[in-house]
C-alpha cells in the first residue's frame, strides 16, 4: 500500500512538472502592445457630441479620409483615449480641465471646436 502511494505521488509530481514545462510562461516584460499613433493627426470626438457631428458630416461630405490620413478616437466611452487627449492638450499648454471635443492634434499643434477643425481640413484639402 505504501509503495502504491509513493508511485501515485511520483506520477502526480511528474505530471505537474510536465504541465509547467508545456504551459506558456507569463513574461514579466511582455512585448508591448502597439501604441496609439503618437505622431501624426488624431481627431478626438465624443459619441453624441453635436459639434463632433458637424466635423463628422464635413469629413463625409468632403471625402476628407480619402485625402488626409488621420486617426479618430472616441473619448466619452474610452478612458485610454481620454487620457491621450489630456496628454495632447497638455503638450499644447492647454488646461485639461477645460478641454472638450472635437479636438484635433496634428504633430504638436492643437485645434479645438468644429470651426477650427473644418478650417484645418479645408486648408489641407486645397494643398
C-alpha atoms as a PDB file:
ATOM      1  CA  UNK A   1       0.000   0.000   0.000  1.00  0.00           C
ATOM      2  CA  UNK A   2       2.796   2.394   0.888  1.00  0.00           C
ATOM      3  CA  UNK A   3       4.540   1.575  -2.410  1.00  0.00           C
ATOM      4  CA  UNK A   4       1.373   2.424  -4.406  1.00  0.00           C
ATOM      5  CA  UNK A   5       1.061   5.778  -2.616  1.00  0.00           C
ATOM      6  CA  UNK A   6       4.657   6.689  -3.475  1.00  0.00           C
ATOM      7  CA  UNK A   7       4.151   5.686  -7.134  1.00  0.00           C
ATOM      8  CA  UNK A   8       0.948   7.773  -7.346  1.00  0.00           C
ATOM      9  CA  UNK A   9       2.691  10.743  -5.725  1.00  0.00           C
ATOM     10  CA  UNK A  10       5.621  10.463  -8.166  1.00  0.00           C
ATOM     11  CA  UNK A  11       3.274  10.247 -11.159  1.00  0.00           C
ATOM     12  CA  UNK A  12       1.359  13.265  -9.879  1.00  0.00           C
ATOM     13  CA  UNK A  13       4.611  15.206  -9.352  1.00  0.00           C
ATOM     14  CA  UNK A  14       5.799  14.243 -12.841  1.00  0.00           C
ATOM     15  CA  UNK A  15       2.501  15.470 -14.335  1.00  0.00           C
ATOM     16  CA  UNK A  16       2.908  18.826 -12.563  1.00  0.00           C
ATOM     17  CA  UNK A  17       6.472  19.205 -13.861  1.00  0.00           C
ATOM     18  CA  UNK A  18       5.362  18.384 -17.416  1.00  0.00           C
ATOM     19  CA  UNK A  19       2.466  20.847 -17.161  1.00  0.00           C
ATOM     20  CA  UNK A  20       4.834  23.608 -16.001  1.00  0.00           C
ATOM     21  CA  UNK A  21       7.200  22.936 -18.883  1.00  0.00           C
ATOM     22  CA  UNK A  22       4.440  22.798 -21.500  1.00  0.00           C
ATOM     23  CA  UNK A  23       2.364  25.775 -20.296  1.00  0.00           C
ATOM     24  CA  UNK A  24       3.252  29.162 -21.786  1.00  0.00           C
ATOM     25  CA  UNK A  25       5.265  31.274 -19.429  1.00  0.00           C
ATOM     26  CA  UNK A  26       3.997  34.628 -18.237  1.00  0.00           C
ATOM     27  CA  UNK A  27       6.742  37.052 -19.048  1.00  0.00           C
ATOM     28  CA  UNK A  28       7.469  39.864 -16.642  1.00  0.00           C
ATOM     29  CA  UNK A  29       8.088  42.172 -19.587  1.00  0.00           C
ATOM     30  CA  UNK A  30       5.753  41.027 -22.347  1.00  0.00           C
ATOM     31  CA  UNK A  31       6.081  42.566 -25.767  1.00  0.00           C
ATOM     32  CA  UNK A  32       4.367  45.933 -25.562  1.00  0.00           C
ATOM     33  CA  UNK A  33       1.097  46.461 -27.354  1.00  0.00           C
ATOM     34  CA  UNK A  34       1.284  48.666 -30.374  1.00  0.00           C
ATOM     35  CA  UNK A  35       0.898  52.202 -29.089  1.00  0.00           C
ATOM     36  CA  UNK A  36      -1.696  54.555 -30.418  1.00  0.00           C
ATOM     37  CA  UNK A  37      -0.325  56.685 -33.161  1.00  0.00           C
ATOM     38  CA  UNK A  38       1.758  59.206 -31.227  1.00  0.00           C
ATOM     39  CA  UNK A  39       2.798  61.286 -34.199  1.00  0.00           C
ATOM     40  CA  UNK A  40       0.545  62.427 -36.962  1.00  0.00           C
ATOM     41  CA  UNK A  41      -3.031  63.585 -36.806  1.00  0.00           C
ATOM     42  CA  UNK A  42      -5.609  62.457 -34.264  1.00  0.00           C
ATOM     43  CA  UNK A  43      -9.225  63.613 -34.159  1.00  0.00           C
ATOM     44  CA  UNK A  44     -10.772  63.210 -30.709  1.00  0.00           C
ATOM     45  CA  UNK A  45     -14.563  63.147 -30.581  1.00  0.00           C
ATOM     46  CA  UNK A  46     -17.393  62.166 -28.280  1.00  0.00           C
ATOM     47  CA  UNK A  47     -20.382  59.971 -29.059  1.00  0.00           C
ATOM     48  CA  UNK A  48     -23.442  62.221 -29.245  1.00  0.00           C
ATOM     49  CA  UNK A  49     -21.448  65.461 -29.303  1.00  0.00           C
ATOM     50  CA  UNK A  50     -23.244  67.919 -31.652  1.00  0.00           C
ATOM     51  CA  UNK A  51     -20.067  69.798 -32.631  1.00  0.00           C
ATOM     52  CA  UNK A  52     -18.369  66.465 -33.343  1.00  0.00           C
ATOM     53  CA  UNK A  53     -21.284  65.606 -35.630  1.00  0.00           C
ATOM     54  CA  UNK A  54     -20.613  68.813 -37.597  1.00  0.00           C
ATOM     55  CA  UNK A  55     -16.990  67.741 -38.103  1.00  0.00           C
ATOM     56  CA  UNK A  56     -18.071  64.212 -38.985  1.00  0.00           C
ATOM     57  CA  UNK A  57     -20.527  65.499 -41.601  1.00  0.00           C
ATOM     58  CA  UNK A  58     -17.836  67.746 -43.072  1.00  0.00           C
ATOM     59  CA  UNK A  59     -15.427  64.797 -43.272  1.00  0.00           C
ATOM     60  CA  UNK A  60     -18.030  62.639 -45.044  1.00  0.00           C
ATOM     61  CA  UNK A  61     -19.325  65.335 -47.419  1.00  0.00           C
ATOM     62  CA  UNK A  62     -15.814  66.361 -48.464  1.00  0.00           C
ATOM     63  CA  UNK A  63     -14.370  62.830 -48.517  1.00  0.00           C
ATOM     64  CA  UNK A  64     -11.577  64.011 -46.233  1.00  0.00           C
ATOM     65  CA  UNK A  65     -10.450  60.496 -45.347  1.00  0.00           C
ATOM     66  CA  UNK A  66      -9.600  59.833 -48.997  1.00  0.00           C
ATOM     67  CA  UNK A  67      -7.018  62.647 -48.980  1.00  0.00           C
ATOM     68  CA  UNK A  68      -5.898  63.092 -45.392  1.00  0.00           C
ATOM     69  CA  UNK A  69      -4.619  60.379 -43.095  1.00  0.00           C
ATOM     70  CA  UNK A  70      -5.790  60.728 -39.505  1.00  0.00           C
ATOM     71  CA  UNK A  71      -6.958  58.603 -36.628  1.00  0.00           C
ATOM     72  CA  UNK A  72     -10.345  59.138 -34.909  1.00  0.00           C
ATOM     73  CA  UNK A  73     -10.614  58.364 -31.199  1.00  0.00           C
ATOM     74  CA  UNK A  74     -13.822  58.467 -29.137  1.00  0.00           C
ATOM     75  CA  UNK A  75     -13.238  59.764 -25.597  1.00  0.00           C
ATOM     76  CA  UNK A  76     -16.568  59.566 -23.723  1.00  0.00           C
ATOM     77  CA  UNK A  77     -16.562  55.770 -23.574  1.00  0.00           C
ATOM     78  CA  UNK A  78     -12.828  55.095 -23.677  1.00  0.00           C
ATOM     79  CA  UNK A  79     -10.678  56.151 -20.747  1.00  0.00           C
ATOM     80  CA  UNK A  80      -7.377  55.494 -22.554  1.00  0.00           C
ATOM     81  CA  UNK A  81      -8.432  57.804 -25.396  1.00  0.00           C
ATOM     82  CA  UNK A  82      -9.497  60.427 -22.864  1.00  0.00           C
ATOM     83  CA  UNK A  83      -6.098  60.264 -21.155  1.00  0.00           C
ATOM     84  CA  UNK A  84      -4.381  60.595 -24.539  1.00  0.00           C
ATOM     85  CA  UNK A  85      -6.478  63.689 -25.296  1.00  0.00           C
ATOM     86  CA  UNK A  86      -5.332  65.199 -21.990  1.00  0.00           C
ATOM     87  CA  UNK A  87      -1.703  64.422 -22.837  1.00  0.00           C
ATOM     88  CA  UNK A  88      -2.030  66.139 -26.204  1.00  0.00           C
ATOM     89  CA  UNK A  89      -3.819  69.149 -24.713  1.00  0.00           C
ATOM     90  CA  UNK A  90      -1.108  69.382 -22.064  1.00  0.00           C
ATOM     91  CA  UNK A  91       1.559  69.346 -24.788  1.00  0.00           C
ATOM     92  CA  UNK A  92      -0.157  72.373 -26.327  1.00  0.00           C
ATOM     93  CA  UNK A  93      -0.173  74.152 -22.958  1.00  0.00           C
ATOM     94  CA  UNK A  94      -3.947  73.903 -22.609  1.00  0.00           C
ATOM     95  CA  UNK A  95      -5.876  73.463 -19.366  1.00  0.00           C
ATOM     96  CA  UNK A  96      -7.037  69.847 -19.472  1.00  0.00           C
ATOM     97  CA  UNK A  97      -9.959  70.633 -17.159  1.00  0.00           C
ATOM     98  CA  UNK A  98     -11.414  72.918 -19.818  1.00  0.00           C
ATOM     99  CA  UNK A  99     -10.771  70.805 -22.915  1.00  0.00           C
ATOM    100  CA  UNK A 100     -13.676  69.416 -24.865  1.00  0.00           C
ATOM    101  CA  UNK A 101     -14.332  67.786 -28.175  1.00  0.00           C
ATOM    102  CA  UNK A 102     -13.991  67.928 -31.061  1.00  0.00           C
ATOM    103  CA  UNK A 103     -10.241  68.267 -30.606  1.00  0.00           C
ATOM    104  CA  UNK A 104      -7.640  67.722 -33.308  1.00  0.00           C
ATOM    105  CA  UNK A 105      -3.959  67.005 -32.680  1.00  0.00           C
ATOM    106  CA  UNK A 106      -1.608  67.450 -35.611  1.00  0.00           C
ATOM    107  CA  UNK A 107       2.040  66.932 -34.731  1.00  0.00           C
ATOM    108  CA  UNK A 108       2.148  69.208 -31.673  1.00  0.00           C
ATOM    109  CA  UNK A 109      -0.490  71.657 -32.904  1.00  0.00           C
ATOM    110  CA  UNK A 110      -3.972  71.622 -31.355  1.00  0.00           C
ATOM    111  CA  UNK A 111      -7.272  72.644 -32.924  1.00  0.00           C
ATOM    112  CA  UNK A 112     -10.414  72.931 -30.813  1.00  0.00           C
ATOM    113  CA  UNK A 113     -14.010  73.097 -31.977  1.00  0.00           C
ATOM    114  CA  UNK A 114     -15.804  72.372 -35.212  1.00  0.00           C
ATOM    115  CA  UNK A 115     -14.821  75.627 -36.931  1.00  0.00           C
ATOM    116  CA  UNK A 116     -11.067  75.311 -36.345  1.00  0.00           C
ATOM    117  CA  UNK A 117     -11.081  71.644 -37.318  1.00  0.00           C
ATOM    118  CA  UNK A 118     -13.119  72.047 -40.510  1.00  0.00           C
ATOM    119  CA  UNK A 119     -10.902  75.016 -41.457  1.00  0.00           C
ATOM    120  CA  UNK A 120      -7.839  72.833 -40.847  1.00  0.00           C
ATOM    121  CA  UNK A 121      -9.207  70.102 -43.131  1.00  0.00           C
ATOM    122  CA  UNK A 122     -10.187  72.711 -45.760  1.00  0.00           C
ATOM    123  CA  UNK A 123      -6.636  74.043 -45.964  1.00  0.00           C
ATOM    124  CA  UNK A 124      -5.229  70.512 -46.173  1.00  0.00           C
ATOM    125  CA  UNK A 125      -7.651  69.588 -48.975  1.00  0.00           C
ATOM    126  CA  UNK A 126      -6.617  72.620 -51.027  1.00  0.00           C
ATOM    127  CA  UNK A 127      -2.907  71.693 -50.967  1.00  0.00           C
END
